């Protein structure tokens, strides 16, 4: 019902817990995103726990947007070079999309 009425984009949470937690992505999110695409044309953004190139690669073909929050804050704290390297790595993993 929400998906059919949504405008803008739908933010899909990739796992239970709090942001910044070092937990696993819930595998059920992949099925959920596939099912959601069958009932809405609203763009899907996925986030919450996305912290690596590998995580981004898991979602790049299922979501229209990928939200990375705490991992970027961590890289900012580690310094400009670490942040630039991280963003370059993420960007490279999205190029074939």
PDB file of N, CA and C in Angstrom:
ATOM      1  N   UNK A   1       0.823  -1.182   0.000  1.00  0.00           N
ATOM      2  CA  UNK A   1       0.000   0.000   0.000  1.00  0.00           C
ATOM      3  C   UNK A   1       0.881   1.265   0.000  1.00  0.00           C
ATOM      4  N   UNK A   2       1.909   1.276   0.826  1.00  0.00           N
ATOM      5  CA  UNK A   2       2.811   2.434   0.886  1.00  0.00           C
ATOM      6  C   UNK A   2       3.530   2.614  -0.448  1.00  0.00           C
ATOM      7  N   UNK A   3       4.043   1.521  -0.994  1.00  0.00           N
ATOM      8  CA  UNK A   3       4.802   1.593  -2.238  1.00  0.00           C
ATOM      9  C   UNK A   3       3.956   2.151  -3.381  1.00  0.00           C
ATOM     10  N   UNK A   4       2.692   1.794  -3.423  1.00  0.00           N
ATOM     11  CA  UNK A   4       1.820   2.259  -4.505  1.00  0.00           C
ATOM     12  C   UNK A   4       1.521   3.748  -4.404  1.00  0.00           C
ATOM     13  N   UNK A   5       1.604   4.323  -3.220  1.00  0.00           N
ATOM     14  CA  UNK A   5       1.289   5.731  -3.023  1.00  0.00           C
ATOM     15  C   UNK A   5       2.533   6.616  -2.880  1.00  0.00           C
ATOM     16  N   UNK A   6       3.681   6.017  -2.792  1.00  0.00           N
ATOM     17  CA  UNK A   6       4.917   6.766  -2.533  1.00  0.00           C
ATOM     18  C   UNK A   6       5.287   7.664  -3.700  1.00  0.00           C
ATOM     19  N   UNK A   7       5.890   8.787  -3.349  1.00  0.00           N
ATOM     20  CA  UNK A   7       6.412   9.721  -4.348  1.00  0.00           C
ATOM     21  C   UNK A   7       7.850  10.057  -3.950  1.00  0.00           C
ATOM     22  N   UNK A   8       8.659  10.426  -4.911  1.00  0.00           N
ATOM     23  CA  UNK A   8      10.061  10.730  -4.624  1.00  0.00           C
ATOM     24  C   UNK A   8      10.889   9.461  -4.688  1.00  0.00           C
ATOM     25  N   UNK A   9      11.097   8.833  -3.546  1.00  0.00           N
ATOM     26  CA  UNK A   9      11.787   7.546  -3.502  1.00  0.00           C
ATOM     27  C   UNK A   9      11.382   6.811  -2.233  1.00  0.00           C
ATOM     28  N   UNK A  10      11.603   5.520  -2.229  1.00  0.00           N
ATOM     29  CA  UNK A  10      11.376   4.695  -1.048  1.00  0.00           C
ATOM     30  C   UNK A  10      12.730   4.344  -0.445  1.00  0.00           C
ATOM     31  N   UNK A  11      12.886   4.602   0.854  1.00  0.00           N
ATOM     32  CA  UNK A  11      14.120   4.262   1.542  1.00  0.00           C
ATOM     33  C   UNK A  11      13.935   2.892   2.183  1.00  0.00           C
ATOM     34  N   UNK A  12      14.749   1.947   1.780  1.00  0.00           N
ATOM     35  CA  UNK A  12      14.661   0.567   2.263  1.00  0.00           C
ATOM     36  C   UNK A  12      15.837   0.288   3.188  1.00  0.00           C
ATOM     37  N   UNK A  13      15.540  -0.226   4.357  1.00  0.00           N
ATOM     38  CA  UNK A  13      16.557  -0.492   5.374  1.00  0.00           C
ATOM     39  C   UNK A  13      17.112  -1.895   5.172  1.00  0.00           C
ATOM     40  N   UNK A  14      18.426  -2.010   5.081  1.00  0.00           N
ATOM     41  CA  UNK A  14      19.069  -3.276   4.727  1.00  0.00           C
ATOM     42  C   UNK A  14      19.226  -4.264   5.877  1.00  0.00           C
ATOM     43  N   UNK A  15      18.996  -3.804   7.109  1.00  0.00           N
ATOM     44  CA  UNK A  15      19.131  -4.712   8.246  1.00  0.00           C
ATOM     45  C   UNK A  15      18.498  -4.087   9.480  1.00  0.00           C
ATOM     46  N   UNK A  16      18.254  -4.933  10.465  1.00  0.00           N
ATOM     47  CA  UNK A  16      17.741  -4.459  11.750  1.00  0.00           C
ATOM     48  C   UNK A  16      18.903  -3.944  12.581  1.00  0.00           C
ATOM     49  N   UNK A  17      18.626  -2.999  13.456  1.00  0.00           N
ATOM     50  CA  UNK A  17      19.666  -2.511  14.358  1.00  0.00           C
ATOM     51  C   UNK A  17      19.800  -1.013  14.285  1.00  0.00           C
ATOM     52  N   UNK A  18      20.920  -0.528  14.755  1.00  0.00           N
ATOM     53  CA  UNK A  18      21.193   0.903  14.759  1.00  0.00           C
ATOM     54  C   UNK A  18      22.275   1.214  13.743  1.00  0.00           C
ATOM     55  N   UNK A  19      22.285   2.433  13.265  1.00  0.00           N
ATOM     56  CA  UNK A  19      23.277   2.836  12.279  1.00  0.00           C
ATOM     57  C   UNK A  19      24.677   2.773  12.885  1.00  0.00           C
ATOM     58  N   UNK A  20      25.641   2.418  12.066  1.00  0.00           N
ATOM     59  CA  UNK A  20      27.016   2.315  12.538  1.00  0.00           C
ATOM     60  C   UNK A  20      27.358   0.976  13.165  1.00  0.00           C
ATOM     61  N   UNK A  21      26.346   0.149  13.389  1.00  0.00           N
ATOM     62  CA  UNK A  21      26.555  -1.168  13.994  1.00  0.00           C
ATOM     63  C   UNK A  21      27.301  -2.071  13.015  1.00  0.00           C
ATOM     64  N   UNK A  22      28.141  -2.926  13.523  1.00  0.00           N
ATOM     65  CA  UNK A  22      28.963  -3.784  12.668  1.00  0.00           C
ATOM     66  C   UNK A  22      28.276  -5.103  12.327  1.00  0.00           C
ATOM     67  N   UNK A  23      26.974  -5.091  12.176  1.00  0.00           N
ATOM     68  CA  UNK A  23      26.229  -6.313  11.900  1.00  0.00           C
ATOM     69  C   UNK A  23      26.178  -6.655  10.421  1.00  0.00           C
ATOM     70  N   UNK A  24      25.477  -7.721  10.145  1.00  0.00           N
ATOM     71  CA  UNK A  24      25.340  -8.233   8.782  1.00  0.00           C
ATOM     72  C   UNK A  24      24.121  -7.632   8.101  1.00  0.00           C
ATOM     73  N   UNK A  25      24.177  -7.544   6.795  1.00  0.00           N
ATOM     74  CA  UNK A  25      23.011  -7.180   6.007  1.00  0.00           C
ATOM     75  C   UNK A  25      22.061  -8.368   6.034  1.00  0.00           C
ATOM     76  N   UNK A  26      20.798  -8.091   6.254  1.00  0.00           N
ATOM     77  CA  UNK A  26      19.778  -9.139   6.294  1.00  0.00           C
ATOM     78  C   UNK A  26      19.500  -9.611   4.864  1.00  0.00           C
ATOM     79  N   UNK A  27      19.742 -10.866   4.582  1.00  0.00           N
ATOM     80  CA  UNK A  27      19.579 -11.400   3.224  1.00  0.00           C
ATOM     81  C   UNK A  27      18.163 -11.255   2.683  1.00  0.00           C
ATOM     82  N   UNK A  28      17.184 -11.092   3.563  1.00  0.00           N
ATOM     83  CA  UNK A  28      15.798 -10.933   3.108  1.00  0.00           C
ATOM     84  C   UNK A  28      15.588  -9.640   2.334  1.00  0.00           C
ATOM     85  N   UNK A  29      16.499  -8.674   2.478  1.00  0.00           N
ATOM     86  CA  UNK A  29      16.354  -7.406   1.777  1.00  0.00           C
ATOM     87  C   UNK A  29      16.412  -7.593   0.262  1.00  0.00           C
ATOM     88  N   UNK A  30      17.167  -8.565  -0.199  1.00  0.00           N
ATOM     89  CA  UNK A  30      17.300  -8.769  -1.645  1.00  0.00           C
ATOM     90  C   UNK A  30      15.969  -9.216  -2.251  1.00  0.00           C
ATOM     91  N   UNK A  31      15.301 -10.141  -1.603  1.00  0.00           N
ATOM     92  CA  UNK A  31      13.978 -10.589  -2.050  1.00  0.00           C
ATOM     93  C   UNK A  31      12.975  -9.448  -1.941  1.00  0.00           C
ATOM     94  N   UNK A  32      13.045  -8.711  -0.840  1.00  0.00           N
ATOM     95  CA  UNK A  32      12.141  -7.593  -0.629  1.00  0.00           C
ATOM     96  C   UNK A  32      12.264  -6.561  -1.746  1.00  0.00           C
ATOM     97  N   UNK A  33      13.486  -6.191  -2.120  1.00  0.00           N
ATOM     98  CA  UNK A  33      13.684  -5.203  -3.184  1.00  0.00           C
ATOM     99  C   UNK A  33      13.134  -5.707  -4.517  1.00  0.00           C
ATOM    100  N   UNK A  34      13.373  -6.969  -4.825  1.00  0.00           N
ATOM    101  CA  UNK A  34      12.850  -7.544  -6.068  1.00  0.00           C
ATOM    102  C   UNK A  34      11.330  -7.502  -6.083  1.00  0.00           C
ATOM    103  N   UNK A  35      10.704  -7.868  -4.968  1.00  0.00           N
ATOM    104  CA  UNK A  35       9.245  -7.851  -4.879  1.00  0.00           C
ATOM    105  C   UNK A  35       8.702  -6.426  -4.955  1.00  0.00           C
ATOM    106  N   UNK A  36       9.368  -5.503  -4.316  1.00  0.00           N
ATOM    107  CA  UNK A  36       8.933  -4.117  -4.308  1.00  0.00           C
ATOM    108  C   UNK A  36       8.925  -3.527  -5.720  1.00  0.00           C
ATOM    109  N   UNK A  37       9.923  -3.885  -6.510  1.00  0.00           N
ATOM    110  CA  UNK A  37       9.995  -3.393  -7.887  1.00  0.00           C
ATOM    111  C   UNK A  37       8.815  -3.865  -8.741  1.00  0.00           C
ATOM    112  N   UNK A  38       8.161  -4.940  -8.330  1.00  0.00           N
ATOM    113  CA  UNK A  38       7.003  -5.420  -9.096  1.00  0.00           C
ATOM    114  C   UNK A  38       5.737  -4.633  -8.791  1.00  0.00           C
ATOM    115  N   UNK A  39       5.721  -3.845  -7.719  1.00  0.00           N
ATOM    116  CA  UNK A  39       4.509  -3.113  -7.352  1.00  0.00           C
ATOM    117  C   UNK A  39       4.658  -1.594  -7.426  1.00  0.00           C
ATOM    118  N   UNK A  40       5.856  -1.112  -7.724  1.00  0.00           N
ATOM    119  CA  UNK A  40       6.043   0.333  -7.804  1.00  0.00           C
ATOM    120  C   UNK A  40       7.129   0.689  -8.821  1.00  0.00           C
ATOM    121  N   UNK A  41       6.962   1.850  -9.414  1.00  0.00           N
ATOM    122  CA  UNK A  41       8.024   2.382 -10.275  1.00  0.00           C
ATOM    123  C   UNK A  41       8.790   3.486  -9.550  1.00  0.00           C
ATOM    124  N   UNK A  42       8.413   3.742  -8.310  1.00  0.00           N
ATOM    125  CA  UNK A  42       9.115   4.727  -7.492  1.00  0.00           C
ATOM    126  C   UNK A  42      10.539   4.240  -7.257  1.00  0.00           C
ATOM    127  N   UNK A  43      11.523   5.116  -7.431  1.00  0.00           N
ATOM    128  CA  UNK A  43      12.916   4.708  -7.191  1.00  0.00           C
ATOM    129  C   UNK A  43      13.121   4.180  -5.769  1.00  0.00           C
ATOM    130  N   UNK A  44      13.982   3.178  -5.662  1.00  0.00           N
ATOM    131  CA  UNK A  44      14.303   2.557  -4.382  1.00  0.00           C
ATOM    132  C   UNK A  44      15.715   2.931  -3.961  1.00  0.00           C
ATOM    133  N   UNK A  45      15.848   3.416  -2.744  1.00  0.00           N
ATOM    134  CA  UNK A  45      17.168   3.668  -2.156  1.00  0.00           C
ATOM    135  C   UNK A  45      17.330   2.691  -0.999  1.00  0.00           C
ATOM    136  N   UNK A  46      18.510   2.134  -0.880  1.00  0.00           N
ATOM    137  CA  UNK A  46      18.774   1.201   0.213  1.00  0.00           C
ATOM    138  C   UNK A  46      19.943   1.732   1.036  1.00  0.00           C
ATOM    139  N   UNK A  47      19.837   1.576   2.318  1.00  0.00           N
ATOM    140  CA  UNK A  47      20.889   2.049   3.203  1.00  0.00           C
ATOM    141  C   UNK A  47      20.805   1.380   4.549  1.00  0.00           C
ATOM    142  N   UNK A  48      21.610   1.867   5.468  1.00  0.00           N
ATOM    143  CA  UNK A  48      21.652   1.360   6.834  1.00  0.00           C
ATOM    144  C   UNK A  48      22.557   0.134   6.880  1.00  0.00           C
ATOM    145  N   UNK A  49      23.802   0.348   7.160  1.00  0.00           N
ATOM    146  CA  UNK A  49      24.748  -0.755   7.241  1.00  0.00           C
ATOM    147  C   UNK A  49      25.586  -0.954   5.994  1.00  0.00           C
ATOM    148  N   UNK A  50      25.401  -0.099   4.993  1.00  0.00           N
ATOM    149  CA  UNK A  50      26.215  -0.196   3.781  1.00  0.00           C
ATOM    150  C   UNK A  50      27.556   0.454   4.100  1.00  0.00           C
ATOM    151  N   UNK A  51      28.617  -0.348   4.073  1.00  0.00           N
ATOM    152  CA  UNK A  51      29.900   0.180   4.550  1.00  0.00           C
ATOM    153  C   UNK A  51      31.098  -0.190   3.695  1.00  0.00           C
ATOM    154  N   UNK A  52      30.865  -0.887   2.587  1.00  0.00           N
ATOM    155  CA  UNK A  52      32.018  -1.323   1.791  1.00  0.00           C
ATOM    156  C   UNK A  52      31.656  -1.439   0.313  1.00  0.00           C
ATOM    157  N   UNK A  53      32.692  -1.546  -0.483  1.00  0.00           N
ATOM    158  CA  UNK A  53      32.530  -1.784  -1.920  1.00  0.00           C
ATOM    159  C   UNK A  53      31.716  -3.053  -2.150  1.00  0.00           C
ATOM    160  N   UNK A  54      31.970  -4.067  -1.355  1.00  0.00           N
ATOM    161  CA  UNK A  54      31.255  -5.341  -1.501  1.00  0.00           C
ATOM    162  C   UNK A  54      29.763  -5.166  -1.218  1.00  0.00           C
ATOM    163  N   UNK A  55      29.435  -4.372  -0.215  1.00  0.00           N
ATOM    164  CA  UNK A  55      28.029  -4.105   0.082  1.00  0.00           C
ATOM    165  C   UNK A  55      27.364  -3.378  -1.086  1.00  0.00           C
ATOM    166  N   UNK A  56      28.035  -2.385  -1.616  1.00  0.00           N
ATOM    167  CA  UNK A  56      27.497  -1.620  -2.744  1.00  0.00           C
ATOM    168  C   UNK A  56      27.261  -2.539  -3.940  1.00  0.00           C
ATOM    169  N   UNK A  57      28.198  -3.414  -4.210  1.00  0.00           N
ATOM    170  CA  UNK A  57      28.061  -4.326  -5.351  1.00  0.00           C
ATOM    171  C   UNK A  57      26.856  -5.253  -5.208  1.00  0.00           C
ATOM    172  N   UNK A  58      26.486  -5.593  -3.975  1.00  0.00           N
ATOM    173  CA  UNK A  58      25.321  -6.448  -3.744  1.00  0.00           C
ATOM    174  C   UNK A  58      24.022  -5.753  -4.134  1.00  0.00           C
ATOM    175  N   UNK A  59      23.996  -4.432  -4.027  1.00  0.00           N
ATOM    176  CA  UNK A  59      22.755  -3.684  -4.229  1.00  0.00           C
ATOM    177  C   UNK A  59      22.676  -2.916  -5.540  1.00  0.00           C
ATOM    178  N   UNK A  60      23.767  -2.745  -6.231  1.00  0.00           N
ATOM    179  CA  UNK A  60      23.769  -1.822  -7.366  1.00  0.00           C
ATOM    180  C   UNK A  60      22.787  -2.187  -8.473  1.00  0.00           C
ATOM    181  N   UNK A  61      22.441  -3.446  -8.619  1.00  0.00           N
ATOM    182  CA  UNK A  61      21.486  -3.832  -9.654  1.00  0.00           C
ATOM    183  C   UNK A  61      20.051  -3.920  -9.131  1.00  0.00           C
ATOM    184  N   UNK A  62      19.873  -3.774  -7.833  1.00  0.00           N
ATOM    185  CA  UNK A  62      18.540  -3.880  -7.225  1.00  0.00           C
ATOM    186  C   UNK A  62      17.979  -2.533  -6.788  1.00  0.00           C
ATOM    187  N   UNK A  63      18.829  -1.584  -6.499  1.00  0.00           N
ATOM    188  CA  UNK A  63      18.380  -0.295  -5.979  1.00  0.00           C
ATOM    189  C   UNK A  63      18.768   0.824  -6.942  1.00  0.00           C
ATOM    190  N   UNK A  64      17.985   1.884  -6.895  1.00  0.00           N
ATOM    191  CA  UNK A  64      18.272   3.058  -7.712  1.00  0.00           C
ATOM    192  C   UNK A  64      19.231   4.004  -7.006  1.00  0.00           C
ATOM    193  N   UNK A  65      19.347   3.848  -5.705  1.00  0.00           N
ATOM    194  CA  UNK A  65      20.254   4.657  -4.911  1.00  0.00           C
ATOM    195  C   UNK A  65      20.771   3.847  -3.738  1.00  0.00           C
ATOM    196  N   UNK A  66      21.996   4.144  -3.341  1.00  0.00           N
ATOM    197  CA  UNK A  66      22.606   3.459  -2.203  1.00  0.00           C
ATOM    198  C   UNK A  66      23.089   4.539  -1.244  1.00  0.00           C
ATOM    199  N   UNK A  67      22.659   4.434   0.003  1.00  0.00           N
ATOM    200  CA  UNK A  67      22.973   5.439   1.015  1.00  0.00           C
ATOM    201  C   UNK A  67      24.072   4.900   1.926  1.00  0.00           C
ATOM    202  N   UNK A  68      25.155   5.661   2.004  1.00  0.00           N
ATOM    203  CA  UNK A  68      26.266   5.300   2.889  1.00  0.00           C
ATOM    204  C   UNK A  68      26.432   6.460   3.863  1.00  0.00           C
ATOM    205  N   UNK A  69      26.227   6.208   5.139  1.00  0.00           N
ATOM    206  CA  UNK A  69      26.300   7.265   6.137  1.00  0.00           C
ATOM    207  C   UNK A  69      27.465   7.105   7.087  1.00  0.00           C
ATOM    208  N   UNK A  70      27.338   6.196   8.036  1.00  0.00           N
ATOM    209  CA  UNK A  70      28.342   6.043   9.094  1.00  0.00           C
ATOM    210  C   UNK A  70      29.725   5.708   8.552  1.00  0.00           C
ATOM    211  N   UNK A  71      29.780   4.925   7.489  1.00  0.00           N
ATOM    212  CA  UNK A  71      31.089   4.567   6.920  1.00  0.00           C
ATOM    213  C   UNK A  71      31.808   5.810   6.391  1.00  0.00           C
ATOM    214  N   UNK A  72      31.052   6.753   5.836  1.00  0.00           N
ATOM    215  CA  UNK A  72      31.671   7.990   5.344  1.00  0.00           C
ATOM    216  C   UNK A  72      32.142   8.844   6.519  1.00  0.00           C
ATOM    217  N   UNK A  73      31.361   8.898   7.570  1.00  0.00           N
ATOM    218  CA  UNK A  73      31.767   9.655   8.764  1.00  0.00           C
ATOM    219  C   UNK A  73      33.064   9.069   9.339  1.00  0.00           C
ATOM    220  N   UNK A  74      33.150   7.754   9.365  1.00  0.00           N
ATOM    221  CA  UNK A  74      34.367   7.091   9.846  1.00  0.00           C
ATOM    222  C   UNK A  74      35.561   7.487   8.993  1.00  0.00           C
ATOM    223  N   UNK A  75      35.381   7.487   7.674  1.00  0.00           N
ATOM    224  CA  UNK A  75      36.482   7.853   6.769  1.00  0.00           C
ATOM    225  C   UNK A  75      36.864   9.317   6.927  1.00  0.00           C
ATOM    226  N   UNK A  76      35.899  10.188   7.164  1.00  0.00           N
ATOM    227  CA  UNK A  76      36.213  11.598   7.417  1.00  0.00           C
ATOM    228  C   UNK A  76      37.110  11.707   8.640  1.00  0.00           C
ATOM    229  N   UNK A  77      36.775  10.956   9.685  1.00  0.00           N
ATOM    230  CA  UNK A  77      37.583  10.968  10.908  1.00  0.00           C
ATOM    231  C   UNK A  77      38.996  10.426  10.670  1.00  0.00           C
ATOM    232  N   UNK A  78      39.138   9.521   9.702  1.00  0.00           N
ATOM    233  CA  UNK A  78      40.452   8.927   9.412  1.00  0.00           C
ATOM    234  C   UNK A  78      41.317   9.839   8.554  1.00  0.00           C
ATOM    235  N   UNK A  79      40.714  10.827   7.924  1.00  0.00           N
ATOM    236  CA  UNK A  79      41.491  11.781   7.139  1.00  0.00           C
ATOM    237  C   UNK A  79      41.068  11.842   5.686  1.00  0.00           C
ATOM    238  N   UNK A  80      41.446  12.934   5.060  1.00  0.00           N
ATOM    239  CA  UNK A  80      41.052  13.221   3.679  1.00  0.00           C
ATOM    240  C   UNK A  80      41.458  12.116   2.705  1.00  0.00           C
ATOM    241  N   UNK A  81      42.676  11.616   2.841  1.00  0.00           N
ATOM    242  CA  UNK A  81      43.146  10.570   1.921  1.00  0.00           C
ATOM    243  C   UNK A  81      42.302   9.302   2.026  1.00  0.00           C
ATOM    244  N   UNK A  82      41.963   8.900   3.257  1.00  0.00           N
ATOM    245  CA  UNK A  82      41.138   7.700   3.462  1.00  0.00           C
ATOM    246  C   UNK A  82      39.749   7.900   2.867  1.00  0.00           C
ATOM    247  N   UNK A  83      39.183   9.087   3.054  1.00  0.00           N
ATOM    248  CA  UNK A  83      37.870   9.386   2.495  1.00  0.00           C
ATOM    249  C   UNK A  83      37.909   9.351   0.974  1.00  0.00           C
ATOM    250  N   UNK A  84      38.906   9.992   0.377  1.00  0.00           N
ATOM    251  CA  UNK A  84      39.015  10.006  -1.079  1.00  0.00           C
ATOM    252  C   UNK A  84      39.189   8.598  -1.638  1.00  0.00           C
ATOM    253  N   UNK A  85      40.014   7.791  -0.999  1.00  0.00           N
ATOM    254  CA  UNK A  85      40.217   6.405  -1.446  1.00  0.00           C
ATOM    255  C   UNK A  85      38.919   5.613  -1.363  1.00  0.00           C
ATOM    256  N   UNK A  86      38.189   5.780  -0.266  1.00  0.00           N
ATOM    257  CA  UNK A  86      36.929   5.070  -0.067  1.00  0.00           C
ATOM    258  C   UNK A  86      35.908   5.472  -1.140  1.00  0.00           C
ATOM    259  N   UNK A  87      35.766   6.766  -1.365  1.00  0.00           N
ATOM    260  CA  UNK A  87      34.793   7.240  -2.350  1.00  0.00           C
ATOM    261  C   UNK A  87      35.167   6.812  -3.773  1.00  0.00           C
ATOM    262  N   UNK A  88      36.451   6.786  -4.059  1.00  0.00           N
ATOM    263  CA  UNK A  88      36.902   6.317  -5.369  1.00  0.00           C
ATOM    264  C   UNK A  88      36.568   4.839  -5.547  1.00  0.00           C
ATOM    265  N   UNK A  89      36.807   4.051  -4.511  1.00  0.00           N
ATOM    266  CA  UNK A  89      36.510   2.612  -4.560  1.00  0.00           C
ATOM    267  C   UNK A  89      35.008   2.374  -4.767  1.00  0.00           C
ATOM    268  N   UNK A  90      34.182   3.107  -4.047  1.00  0.00           N
ATOM    269  CA  UNK A  90      32.732   2.980  -4.188  1.00  0.00           C
ATOM    270  C   UNK A  90      32.316   3.392  -5.590  1.00  0.00           C
ATOM    271  N   UNK A  91      32.833   4.505  -6.059  1.00  0.00           N
ATOM    272  CA  UNK A  91      32.503   5.009  -7.395  1.00  0.00           C
ATOM    273  C   UNK A  91      32.878   4.003  -8.478  1.00  0.00           C
ATOM    274  N   UNK A  92      34.040   3.399  -8.365  1.00  0.00           N
ATOM    275  CA  UNK A  92      34.493   2.403  -9.336  1.00  0.00           C
ATOM    276  C   UNK A  92      33.551   1.196  -9.359  1.00  0.00           C
ATOM    277  N   UNK A  93      33.046   0.810  -8.208  1.00  0.00           N
ATOM    278  CA  UNK A  93      32.172  -0.377  -8.154  1.00  0.00           C
ATOM    279  C   UNK A  93      30.817  -0.106  -8.802  1.00  0.00           C
ATOM    280  N   UNK A  94      30.469   1.141  -8.994  1.00  0.00           N
ATOM    281  CA  UNK A  94      29.187   1.496  -9.611  1.00  0.00           C
ATOM    282  C   UNK A  94      29.272   1.764 -11.115  1.00  0.00           C
ATOM    283  N   UNK A  95      30.444   1.841 -11.658  1.00  0.00           N
ATOM    284  CA  UNK A  95      30.634   2.256 -13.062  1.00  0.00           C
ATOM    285  C   UNK A  95      29.922   1.387 -14.082  1.00  0.00           C
ATOM    286  N   UNK A  96      29.805   0.106 -13.856  1.00  0.00           N
ATOM    287  CA  UNK A  96      29.191  -0.751 -14.856  1.00  0.00           C
ATOM    288  C   UNK A  96      27.674  -0.805 -14.726  1.00  0.00           C
ATOM    289  N   UNK A  97      27.112   0.011 -13.870  1.00  0.00           N
ATOM    290  CA  UNK A  97      25.665   0.031 -13.687  1.00  0.00           C
ATOM    291  C   UNK A  97      24.978   0.710 -14.840  1.00  0.00           C
TER     292      UNK A  97
END
